[in-house]
Amino acid sequence: FRVRGAYFVIITICFAQVLRLLTLNWVELTQGPMALSGIPAL
């Protein structure tokens, strides 16, 4: 929020893409493309 308009939009898009790449490549934590399975139901 130090910036406005198109700059804020770009920052939010980049934030989502960075998290996607992080979860895709940090296999030890997130299992990467193999996904986290067996999540218990509420």
ModelCIF file with pLDDT and N, C-alpha, C, O atoms, coordinates in Angstrom:
data_MODEL
#
_entry.id   MODEL 
#
_entity.id                         1 
_entity.type                       polymer 
_entity.pdbx_number_of_molecules   1 
#
_entity_poly.entity_id                      1 
_entity_poly.type                           'polypeptide(L)' 
_entity_poly.nstd_linkage                   no 
_entity_poly.nstd_monomer                   no 
_entity_poly.pdbx_seq_one_letter_code       FRVRGAYFVIITICFAQVLRLLTLNWVELTQGPMALSGIPAL 
_entity_poly.pdbx_seq_one_letter_code_can   FRVRGAYFVIITICFAQVLRLLTLNWVELTQGPMALSGIPAL 
_entity_poly.pdbx_strand_id                 A 
#
loop_
_entity_poly_seq.entity_id 
_entity_poly_seq.num 
_entity_poly_seq.mon_id 
_entity_poly_seq.hetero 
1 1  PHE n 
1 2  ARG n 
1 3  VAL n 
1 4  ARG n 
1 5  GLY n 
1 6  ALA n 
1 7  TYR n 
1 8  PHE n 
1 9  VAL n 
1 10 ILE n 
1 11 ILE n 
1 12 THR n 
1 13 ILE n 
1 14 CYS n 
1 15 PHE n 
1 16 ALA n 
1 17 GLN n 
1 18 VAL n 
1 19 LEU n 
1 20 ARG n 
1 21 LEU n 
1 22 LEU n 
1 23 THR n 
1 24 LEU n 
1 25 ASN n 
1 26 TRP n 
1 27 VAL n 
1 28 GLU n 
1 29 LEU n 
1 30 THR n 
1 31 GLN n 
1 32 GLY n 
1 33 PRO n 
1 34 MET n 
1 35 ALA n 
1 36 LEU n 
1 37 SER n 
1 38 GLY n 
1 39 ILE n 
1 40 PRO n 
1 41 ALA n 
1 42 LEU n 
#
_struct_asym.id          A 
_struct_asym.entity_id   1 
#
loop_
_ma_qa_metric.id 
_ma_qa_metric.mode 
_ma_qa_metric.name 
_ma_qa_metric.software_group_id 
_ma_qa_metric.type 
1 global pLDDT . pLDDT 
2 local  pLDDT . pLDDT 
#
_ma_qa_metric_global.metric_id      1 
_ma_qa_metric_global.metric_value   86.24 
_ma_qa_metric_global.model_id       1 
_ma_qa_metric_global.ordinal_id     1 
#
loop_
_ma_qa_metric_local.label_asym_id 
_ma_qa_metric_local.label_comp_id 
_ma_qa_metric_local.label_seq_id 
_ma_qa_metric_local.metric_id 
_ma_qa_metric_local.metric_value 
_ma_qa_metric_local.model_id 
_ma_qa_metric_local.ordinal_id 
A PHE 1  2 74.00 1 1  
A ARG 2  2 73.00 1 2  
A VAL 3  2 71.00 1 3  
A ARG 4  2 68.00 1 4  
A GLY 5  2 68.00 1 5  
A ALA 6  2 74.00 1 6  
A TYR 7  2 78.00 1 7  
A PHE 8  2 80.00 1 8  
A VAL 9  2 83.00 1 9  
A ILE 10 2 86.00 1 10 
A ILE 11 2 86.00 1 11 
A THR 12 2 87.00 1 12 
A ILE 13 2 89.00 1 13 
A CYS 14 2 90.00 1 14 
A PHE 15 2 90.00 1 15 
A ALA 16 2 91.00 1 16 
A GLN 17 2 91.00 1 17 
A VAL 18 2 92.00 1 18 
A LEU 19 2 93.00 1 19 
A ARG 20 2 93.00 1 20 
A LEU 21 2 93.00 1 21 
A LEU 22 2 92.00 1 22 
A THR 23 2 92.00 1 23 
A LEU 24 2 92.00 1 24 
A ASN 25 2 91.00 1 25 
A TRP 26 2 89.00 1 26 
A VAL 27 2 89.00 1 27 
A GLU 28 2 89.00 1 28 
A LEU 29 2 88.00 1 29 
A THR 30 2 89.00 1 30 
A GLN 31 2 89.00 1 31 
A GLY 32 2 88.00 1 32 
A PRO 33 2 88.00 1 33 
A MET 34 2 90.00 1 34 
A ALA 35 2 87.00 1 35 
A LEU 36 2 90.00 1 36 
A SER 37 2 89.00 1 37 
A GLY 38 2 88.00 1 38 
A ILE 39 2 89.00 1 39 
A PRO 40 2 89.00 1 40 
A ALA 41 2 88.00 1 41 
A LEU 42 2 86.00 1 42 
#
loop_
_atom_site.group_PDB 
_atom_site.id 
_atom_site.type_symbol 
_atom_site.label_atom_id 
_atom_site.label_alt_id 
_atom_site.label_comp_id 
_atom_site.label_asym_id 
_atom_site.label_entity_id 
_atom_site.label_seq_id 
_atom_site.pdbx_PDB_ins_code 
_atom_site.Cartn_x 
_atom_site.Cartn_y 
_atom_site.Cartn_z 
_atom_site.occupancy 
_atom_site.B_iso_or_equiv 
_atom_site.pdbx_formal_charge 
_atom_site.auth_seq_id 
_atom_site.auth_comp_id 
_atom_site.auth_asym_id 
_atom_site.auth_atom_id 
_atom_site.pdbx_PDB_model_num 
ATOM 1   N N  . PHE A 1 1  ? 0.805   -1.215  0.000   1.00 74.00 ? 1  PHE A N  1 
ATOM 2   C CA . PHE A 1 1  ? 0.000   0.000   0.000   1.00 74.00 ? 1  PHE A CA 1 
ATOM 3   C C  . PHE A 1 1  ? 0.841   1.270   0.000   1.00 74.00 ? 1  PHE A C  1 
ATOM 4   O O  . PHE A 1 1  ? 0.317   2.372   0.159   1.00 74.00 ? 1  PHE A O  1 
ATOM 5   N N  . ARG A 1 2  ? 2.144   1.110   -0.179  1.00 73.00 ? 2  ARG A N  1 
ATOM 6   C CA . ARG A 1 2  ? 2.968   2.275   -0.448  1.00 73.00 ? 2  ARG A CA 1 
ATOM 7   C C  . ARG A 1 2  ? 2.773   2.747   -1.877  1.00 73.00 ? 2  ARG A C  1 
ATOM 8   O O  . ARG A 1 2  ? 3.146   3.866   -2.231  1.00 73.00 ? 2  ARG A O  1 
ATOM 9   N N  . VAL A 1 3  ? 2.180   1.874   -2.702  1.00 71.00 ? 3  VAL A N  1 
ATOM 10  C CA . VAL A 1 3  ? 1.891   2.217   -4.094  1.00 71.00 ? 3  VAL A CA 1 
ATOM 11  C C  . VAL A 1 3  ? 0.397   2.023   -4.340  1.00 71.00 ? 3  VAL A C  1 
ATOM 12  O O  . VAL A 1 3  ? -0.305  1.454   -3.504  1.00 71.00 ? 3  VAL A O  1 
ATOM 13  N N  . ARG A 1 4  ? -0.082  2.491   -5.473  1.00 68.00 ? 4  ARG A N  1 
ATOM 14  C CA . ARG A 1 4  ? -1.502  2.390   -5.803  1.00 68.00 ? 4  ARG A CA 1 
ATOM 15  C C  . ARG A 1 4  ? -1.659  1.956   -7.257  1.00 68.00 ? 4  ARG A C  1 
ATOM 16  O O  . ARG A 1 4  ? -0.684  1.826   -7.997  1.00 68.00 ? 4  ARG A O  1 
ATOM 17  N N  . GLY A 1 5  ? -2.906  1.738   -7.642  1.00 68.00 ? 5  GLY A N  1 
ATOM 18  C CA . GLY A 1 5  ? -3.239  1.476   -9.034  1.00 68.00 ? 5  GLY A CA 1 
ATOM 19  C C  . GLY A 1 5  ? -2.608  0.226   -9.585  1.00 68.00 ? 5  GLY A C  1 
ATOM 20  O O  . GLY A 1 5  ? -2.632  -0.831  -8.955  1.00 68.00 ? 5  GLY A O  1 
ATOM 21  N N  . ALA A 1 6  ? -2.029  0.357   -10.795 1.00 74.00 ? 6  ALA A N  1 
ATOM 22  C CA . ALA A 1 6  ? -1.479  -0.802  -11.501 1.00 74.00 ? 6  ALA A CA 1 
ATOM 23  C C  . ALA A 1 6  ? -0.326  -1.432  -10.734 1.00 74.00 ? 6  ALA A C  1 
ATOM 24  O O  . ALA A 1 6  ? -0.116  -2.641  -10.835 1.00 74.00 ? 6  ALA A O  1 
ATOM 25  N N  . TYR A 1 7  ? 0.430   -0.643  -9.969  1.00 78.00 ? 7  TYR A N  1 
ATOM 26  C CA . TYR A 1 7  ? 1.557   -1.187  -9.226  1.00 78.00 ? 7  TYR A CA 1 
ATOM 27  C C  . TYR A 1 7  ? 1.075   -2.149  -8.133  1.00 78.00 ? 7  TYR A C  1 
ATOM 28  O O  . TYR A 1 7  ? 1.686   -3.191  -7.895  1.00 78.00 ? 7  TYR A O  1 
ATOM 29  N N  . PHE A 1 8  ? -0.018  -1.785  -7.483  1.00 80.00 ? 8  PHE A N  1 
ATOM 30  C CA . PHE A 1 8  ? -0.575  -2.670  -6.456  1.00 80.00 ? 8  PHE A CA 1 
ATOM 31  C C  . PHE A 1 8  ? -1.072  -3.967  -7.079  1.00 80.00 ? 8  PHE A C  1 
ATOM 32  O O  . PHE A 1 8  ? -0.868  -5.044  -6.519  1.00 80.00 ? 8  PHE A O  1 
ATOM 33  N N  . VAL A 1 9  ? -1.719  -3.870  -8.228  1.00 83.00 ? 9  VAL A N  1 
ATOM 34  C CA . VAL A 1 9  ? -2.210  -5.066  -8.928  1.00 83.00 ? 9  VAL A CA 1 
ATOM 35  C C  . VAL A 1 9  ? -1.053  -5.993  -9.276  1.00 83.00 ? 9  VAL A C  1 
ATOM 36  O O  . VAL A 1 9  ? -1.149  -7.205  -9.084  1.00 83.00 ? 9  VAL A O  1 
ATOM 37  N N  . ILE A 1 10 ? 0.046   -5.428  -9.792  1.00 86.00 ? 10 ILE A N  1 
ATOM 38  C CA . ILE A 1 10 ? 1.214   -6.232  -10.171 1.00 86.00 ? 10 ILE A CA 1 
ATOM 39  C C  . ILE A 1 10 ? 1.809   -6.926  -8.953  1.00 86.00 ? 10 ILE A C  1 
ATOM 40  O O  . ILE A 1 10 ? 2.179   -8.097  -9.024  1.00 86.00 ? 10 ILE A O  1 
ATOM 41  N N  . ILE A 1 11 ? 1.901   -6.207  -7.832  1.00 86.00 ? 11 ILE A N  1 
ATOM 42  C CA . ILE A 1 11 ? 2.461   -6.797  -6.620  1.00 86.00 ? 11 ILE A CA 1 
ATOM 43  C C  . ILE A 1 11 ? 1.629   -7.989  -6.158  1.00 86.00 ? 11 ILE A C  1 
ATOM 44  O O  . ILE A 1 11 ? 2.186   -9.020  -5.779  1.00 86.00 ? 11 ILE A O  1 
ATOM 45  N N  . THR A 1 12 ? 0.305   -7.862  -6.185  1.00 87.00 ? 12 THR A N  1 
ATOM 46  C CA . THR A 1 12 ? -0.541  -8.960  -5.717  1.00 87.00 ? 12 THR A CA 1 
ATOM 47  C C  . THR A 1 12 ? -0.451  -10.168 -6.646  1.00 87.00 ? 12 THR A C  1 
ATOM 48  O O  . THR A 1 12 ? -0.458  -11.309 -6.184  1.00 87.00 ? 12 THR A O  1 
ATOM 49  N N  . ILE A 1 13 ? -0.367  -9.920  -7.957  1.00 89.00 ? 13 ILE A N  1 
ATOM 50  C CA . ILE A 1 13 ? -0.216  -11.030 -8.897  1.00 89.00 ? 13 ILE A CA 1 
ATOM 51  C C  . ILE A 1 13 ? 1.105   -11.758 -8.653  1.00 89.00 ? 13 ILE A C  1 
ATOM 52  O O  . ILE A 1 13 ? 1.147   -12.987 -8.607  1.00 89.00 ? 13 ILE A O  1 
ATOM 53  N N  . CYS A 1 14 ? 2.182   -10.985 -8.497  1.00 90.00 ? 14 CYS A N  1 
ATOM 54  C CA . CYS A 1 14 ? 3.500   -11.585 -8.255  1.00 90.00 ? 14 CYS A CA 1 
ATOM 55  C C  . CYS A 1 14 ? 3.513   -12.376 -6.944  1.00 90.00 ? 14 CYS A C  1 
ATOM 56  O O  . CYS A 1 14 ? 4.127   -13.440 -6.862  1.00 90.00 ? 14 CYS A O  1 
ATOM 57  N N  . PHE A 1 15 ? 2.840   -11.859 -5.934  1.00 90.00 ? 15 PHE A N  1 
ATOM 58  C CA . PHE A 1 15 ? 2.777   -12.543 -4.645  1.00 90.00 ? 15 PHE A CA 1 
ATOM 59  C C  . PHE A 1 15 ? 2.159   -13.931 -4.804  1.00 90.00 ? 15 PHE A C  1 
ATOM 60  O O  . PHE A 1 15 ? 2.669   -14.907 -4.254  1.00 90.00 ? 15 PHE A O  1 
ATOM 61  N N  . ALA A 1 16 ? 1.065   -14.016 -5.555  1.00 91.00 ? 16 ALA A N  1 
ATOM 62  C CA . ALA A 1 16 ? 0.415   -15.309 -5.772  1.00 91.00 ? 16 ALA A CA 1 
ATOM 63  C C  . ALA A 1 16 ? 1.298   -16.249 -6.580  1.00 91.00 ? 16 ALA A C  1 
ATOM 64  O O  . ALA A 1 16 ? 1.356   -17.443 -6.288  1.00 91.00 ? 16 ALA A O  1 
ATOM 65  N N  . GLN A 1 17 ? 1.985   -15.727 -7.591  1.00 91.00 ? 17 GLN A N  1 
ATOM 66  C CA . GLN A 1 17 ? 2.824   -16.581 -8.429  1.00 91.00 ? 17 GLN A CA 1 
ATOM 67  C C  . GLN A 1 17 ? 4.047   -17.084 -7.665  1.00 91.00 ? 17 GLN A C  1 
ATOM 68  O O  . GLN A 1 17 ? 4.466   -18.226 -7.849  1.00 91.00 ? 17 GLN A O  1 
ATOM 69  N N  . VAL A 1 18 ? 4.621   -16.235 -6.807  1.00 92.00 ? 18 VAL A N  1 
ATOM 70  C CA . VAL A 1 18 ? 5.758   -16.664 -5.995  1.00 92.00 ? 18 VAL A CA 1 
ATOM 71  C C  . VAL A 1 18 ? 5.351   -17.802 -5.065  1.00 92.00 ? 18 VAL A C  1 
ATOM 72  O O  . VAL A 1 18 ? 6.090   -18.775 -4.911  1.00 92.00 ? 18 VAL A O  1 
ATOM 73  N N  . LEU A 1 19 ? 4.171   -17.681 -4.441  1.00 93.00 ? 19 LEU A N  1 
ATOM 74  C CA . LEU A 1 19 ? 3.704   -18.751 -3.553  1.00 93.00 ? 19 LEU A CA 1 
ATOM 75  C C  . LEU A 1 19 ? 3.437   -20.033 -4.327  1.00 93.00 ? 19 LEU A C  1 
ATOM 76  O O  . LEU A 1 19 ? 3.699   -21.126 -3.824  1.00 93.00 ? 19 LEU A O  1 
ATOM 77  N N  . ARG A 1 20 ? 2.922   -19.913 -5.533  1.00 93.00 ? 20 ARG A N  1 
ATOM 78  C CA . ARG A 1 20 ? 2.669   -21.106 -6.340  1.00 93.00 ? 20 ARG A CA 1 
ATOM 79  C C  . ARG A 1 20 ? 3.978   -21.806 -6.690  1.00 93.00 ? 20 ARG A C  1 
ATOM 80  O O  . ARG A 1 20 ? 4.076   -23.029 -6.594  1.00 93.00 ? 20 ARG A O  1 
ATOM 81  N N  . LEU A 1 21 ? 4.990   -21.028 -7.098  1.00 93.00 ? 21 LEU A N  1 
ATOM 82  C CA . LEU A 1 21 ? 6.291   -21.628 -7.419  1.00 93.00 ? 21 LEU A CA 1 
ATOM 83  C C  . LEU A 1 21 ? 6.944   -22.226 -6.176  1.00 93.00 ? 21 LEU A C  1 
ATOM 84  O O  . LEU A 1 21 ? 7.611   -23.258 -6.256  1.00 93.00 ? 21 LEU A O  1 
ATOM 85  N N  . LEU A 1 22 ? 6.752   -21.580 -5.033  1.00 92.00 ? 22 LEU A N  1 
ATOM 86  C CA . LEU A 1 22 ? 7.327   -22.086 -3.786  1.00 92.00 ? 22 LEU A CA 1 
ATOM 87  C C  . LEU A 1 22 ? 6.721   -23.436 -3.420  1.00 92.00 ? 22 LEU A C  1 
ATOM 88  O O  . LEU A 1 22 ? 7.441   -24.376 -3.083  1.00 92.00 ? 22 LEU A O  1 
ATOM 89  N N  . THR A 1 23 ? 5.397   -23.527 -3.486  1.00 92.00 ? 23 THR A N  1 
ATOM 90  C CA . THR A 1 23 ? 4.746   -24.797 -3.147  1.00 92.00 ? 23 THR A CA 1 
ATOM 91  C C  . THR A 1 23 ? 5.033   -25.874 -4.196  1.00 92.00 ? 23 THR A C  1 
ATOM 92  O O  . THR A 1 23 ? 5.021   -27.067 -3.890  1.00 92.00 ? 23 THR A O  1 
ATOM 93  N N  . LEU A 1 24 ? 5.287   -25.448 -5.424  1.00 92.00 ? 24 LEU A N  1 
ATOM 94  C CA . LEU A 1 24 ? 5.581   -26.411 -6.482  1.00 92.00 ? 24 LEU A CA 1 
ATOM 95  C C  . LEU A 1 24 ? 6.974   -27.023 -6.328  1.00 92.00 ? 24 LEU A C  1 
ATOM 96  O O  . LEU A 1 24 ? 7.190   -28.183 -6.679  1.00 92.00 ? 24 LEU A O  1 
ATOM 97  N N  . ASN A 1 25 ? 7.918   -26.239 -5.803  1.00 91.00 ? 25 ASN A N  1 
ATOM 98  C CA . ASN A 1 25 ? 9.312   -26.690 -5.753  1.00 91.00 ? 25 ASN A CA 1 
ATOM 99  C C  . ASN A 1 25 ? 9.784   -27.114 -4.363  1.00 91.00 ? 25 ASN A C  1 
ATOM 100 O O  . ASN A 1 25 ? 10.790  -27.815 -4.253  1.00 91.00 ? 25 ASN A O  1 
ATOM 101 N N  . TRP A 1 26 ? 9.095   -26.713 -3.311  1.00 89.00 ? 26 TRP A N  1 
ATOM 102 C CA . TRP A 1 26 ? 9.501   -27.122 -1.962  1.00 89.00 ? 26 TRP A CA 1 
ATOM 103 C C  . TRP A 1 26 ? 8.870   -28.484 -1.663  1.00 89.00 ? 26 TRP A C  1 
ATOM 104 O O  . TRP A 1 26 ? 7.934   -28.592 -0.871  1.00 89.00 ? 26 TRP A O  1 
ATOM 105 N N  . VAL A 1 27 ? 9.396   -29.504 -2.306  1.00 89.00 ? 27 VAL A N  1 
ATOM 106 C CA . VAL A 1 27 ? 8.796   -30.830 -2.278  1.00 89.00 ? 27 VAL A CA 1 
ATOM 107 C C  . VAL A 1 27 ? 8.832   -31.425 -0.866  1.00 89.00 ? 27 VAL A C  1 
ATOM 108 O O  . VAL A 1 27 ? 7.908   -32.137 -0.472  1.00 89.00 ? 27 VAL A O  1 
ATOM 109 N N  . GLU A 1 28 ? 9.880   -31.140 -0.113  1.00 89.00 ? 28 GLU A N  1 
ATOM 110 C CA . GLU A 1 28 ? 10.003  -31.717 1.227   1.00 89.00 ? 28 GLU A CA 1 
ATOM 111 C C  . GLU A 1 28 ? 8.849   -31.288 2.137   1.00 89.00 ? 28 GLU A C  1 
ATOM 112 O O  . GLU A 1 28 ? 8.429   -32.045 3.012   1.00 89.00 ? 28 GLU A O  1 
ATOM 113 N N  . LEU A 1 29 ? 8.336   -30.067 1.926   1.00 88.00 ? 29 LEU A N  1 
ATOM 114 C CA . LEU A 1 29 ? 7.251   -29.568 2.770   1.00 88.00 ? 29 LEU A CA 1 
ATOM 115 C C  . LEU A 1 29 ? 5.882   -29.800 2.147   1.00 88.00 ? 29 LEU A C  1 
ATOM 116 O O  . LEU A 1 29 ? 4.962   -30.261 2.823   1.00 88.00 ? 29 LEU A O  1 
ATOM 117 N N  . THR A 1 30 ? 5.741   -29.486 0.867   1.00 89.00 ? 30 THR A N  1 
ATOM 118 C CA . THR A 1 30 ? 4.412   -29.464 0.235   1.00 89.00 ? 30 THR A CA 1 
ATOM 119 C C  . THR A 1 30 ? 4.148   -30.652 -0.676  1.00 89.00 ? 30 THR A C  1 
ATOM 120 O O  . THR A 1 30 ? 3.042   -30.780 -1.200  1.00 89.00 ? 30 THR A O  1 
ATOM 121 N N  . GLN A 1 31 ? 5.138   -31.531 -0.884  1.00 89.00 ? 31 GLN A N  1 
ATOM 122 C CA . GLN A 1 31 ? 5.039   -32.657 -1.829  1.00 89.00 ? 31 GLN A CA 1 
ATOM 123 C C  . GLN A 1 31 ? 4.997   -32.189 -3.282  1.00 89.00 ? 31 GLN A C  1 
ATOM 124 O O  . GLN A 1 31 ? 4.825   -33.001 -4.191  1.00 89.00 ? 31 GLN A O  1 
ATOM 125 N N  . GLY A 1 32 ? 5.150   -30.901 -3.501  1.00 88.00 ? 32 GLY A N  1 
ATOM 126 C CA . GLY A 1 32 ? 5.217   -30.363 -4.853  1.00 88.00 ? 32 GLY A CA 1 
ATOM 127 C C  . GLY A 1 32 ? 4.026   -30.733 -5.706  1.00 88.00 ? 32 GLY A C  1 
ATOM 128 O O  . GLY A 1 32 ? 2.890   -30.668 -5.235  1.00 88.00 ? 32 GLY A O  1 
ATOM 129 N N  . PRO A 1 33 ? 4.256   -31.127 -6.970  1.00 88.00 ? 33 PRO A N  1 
ATOM 130 C CA . PRO A 1 33 ? 3.144   -31.486 -7.862  1.00 88.00 ? 33 PRO A CA 1 
ATOM 131 C C  . PRO A 1 33 ? 2.423   -32.767 -7.447  1.00 88.00 ? 33 PRO A C  1 
ATOM 132 O O  . PRO A 1 33 ? 1.337   -33.053 -7.950  1.00 88.00 ? 33 PRO A O  1 
ATOM 133 N N  . MET A 1 34 ? 3.011   -33.536 -6.542  1.00 90.00 ? 34 MET A N  1 
ATOM 134 C CA . MET A 1 34 ? 2.355   -34.765 -6.079  1.00 90.00 ? 34 MET A CA 1 
ATOM 135 C C  . MET A 1 34 ? 1.213   -34.468 -5.114  1.00 90.00 ? 34 MET A C  1 
ATOM 136 O O  . MET A 1 34 ? 0.387   -35.343 -4.852  1.00 90.00 ? 34 MET A O  1 
ATOM 137 N N  . ALA A 1 35 ? 1.154   -33.269 -4.591  1.00 87.00 ? 35 ALA A N  1 
ATOM 138 C CA . ALA A 1 35 ? 0.049   -32.779 -3.764  1.00 87.00 ? 35 ALA A CA 1 
ATOM 139 C C  . ALA A 1 35 ? 0.071   -33.367 -2.352  1.00 87.00 ? 35 ALA A C  1 
ATOM 140 O O  . ALA A 1 35 ? 0.637   -34.430 -2.099  1.00 87.00 ? 35 ALA A O  1 
ATOM 141 N N  . LEU A 1 36 ? -0.563  -32.635 -1.458  1.00 90.00 ? 36 LEU A N  1 
ATOM 142 C CA . LEU A 1 36 ? -0.801  -33.118 -0.101  1.00 90.00 ? 36 LEU A CA 1 
ATOM 143 C C  . LEU A 1 36 ? -2.119  -33.874 -0.097  1.00 90.00 ? 36 LEU A C  1 
ATOM 144 O O  . LEU A 1 36 ? -3.161  -33.299 -0.412  1.00 90.00 ? 36 LEU A O  1 
ATOM 145 N N  . SER A 1 37 ? -2.090  -35.128 0.248   1.00 89.00 ? 37 SER A N  1 
ATOM 146 C CA . SER A 1 37 ? -3.303  -35.950 0.230   1.00 89.00 ? 37 SER A CA 1 
ATOM 147 C C  . SER A 1 37 ? -3.580  -36.490 1.628   1.00 89.00 ? 37 SER A C  1 
ATOM 148 O O  . SER A 1 37 ? -2.759  -36.359 2.535   1.00 89.00 ? 37 SER A O  1 
ATOM 149 N N  . GLY A 1 38 ? -4.738  -37.091 1.781   1.00 88.00 ? 38 GLY A N  1 
ATOM 150 C CA . GLY A 1 38 ? -5.116  -37.656 3.067   1.00 88.00 ? 38 GLY A CA 1 
ATOM 151 C C  . GLY A 1 38 ? -5.422  -36.621 4.127   1.00 88.00 ? 38 GLY A C  1 
ATOM 152 O O  . GLY A 1 38 ? -5.310  -36.900 5.321   1.00 88.00 ? 38 GLY A O  1 
ATOM 153 N N  . ILE A 1 39 ? -5.805  -35.434 3.705   1.00 89.00 ? 39 ILE A N  1 
ATOM 154 C CA . ILE A 1 39 ? -6.136  -34.368 4.666   1.00 89.00 ? 39 ILE A CA 1 
ATOM 155 C C  . ILE A 1 39 ? -7.416  -34.773 5.404   1.00 89.00 ? 39 ILE A C  1 
ATOM 156 O O  . ILE A 1 39 ? -8.411  -35.108 4.761   1.00 89.00 ? 39 ILE A O  1 
ATOM 157 N N  . PRO A 1 40 ? -7.409  -34.749 6.727   1.00 89.00 ? 40 PRO A N  1 
ATOM 158 C CA . PRO A 1 40 ? -8.610  -35.188 7.461   1.00 89.00 ? 40 PRO A CA 1 
ATOM 159 C C  . PRO A 1 40 ? -9.772  -34.214 7.286   1.00 89.00 ? 40 PRO A C  1 
ATOM 160 O O  . PRO A 1 40 ? -9.578  -33.012 7.104   1.00 89.00 ? 40 PRO A O  1 
ATOM 161 N N  . ALA A 1 41 ? -10.969 -34.761 7.345   1.00 88.00 ? 41 ALA A N  1 
ATOM 162 C CA . ALA A 1 41 ? -12.170 -33.920 7.264   1.00 88.00 ? 41 ALA A CA 1 
ATOM 163 C C  . ALA A 1 41 ? -12.377 -33.183 8.578   1.00 88.00 ? 41 ALA A C  1 
ATOM 164 O O  . ALA A 1 41 ? -11.958 -33.651 9.637   1.00 88.00 ? 41 ALA A O  1 
ATOM 165 N N  . LEU A 1 42 ? -13.015 -32.044 8.502   1.00 86.00 ? 42 LEU A N  1 
ATOM 166 C CA . LEU A 1 42 ? -13.376 -31.322 9.718   1.00 86.00 ? 42 LEU A CA 1 
ATOM 167 C C  . LEU A 1 42 ? -14.392 -32.131 10.516  1.00 86.00 ? 42 LEU A C  1 
ATOM 168 O O  . LEU A 1 42 ? -14.828 -31.696 11.581  1.00 86.00 ? 42 LEU A O  1 
#
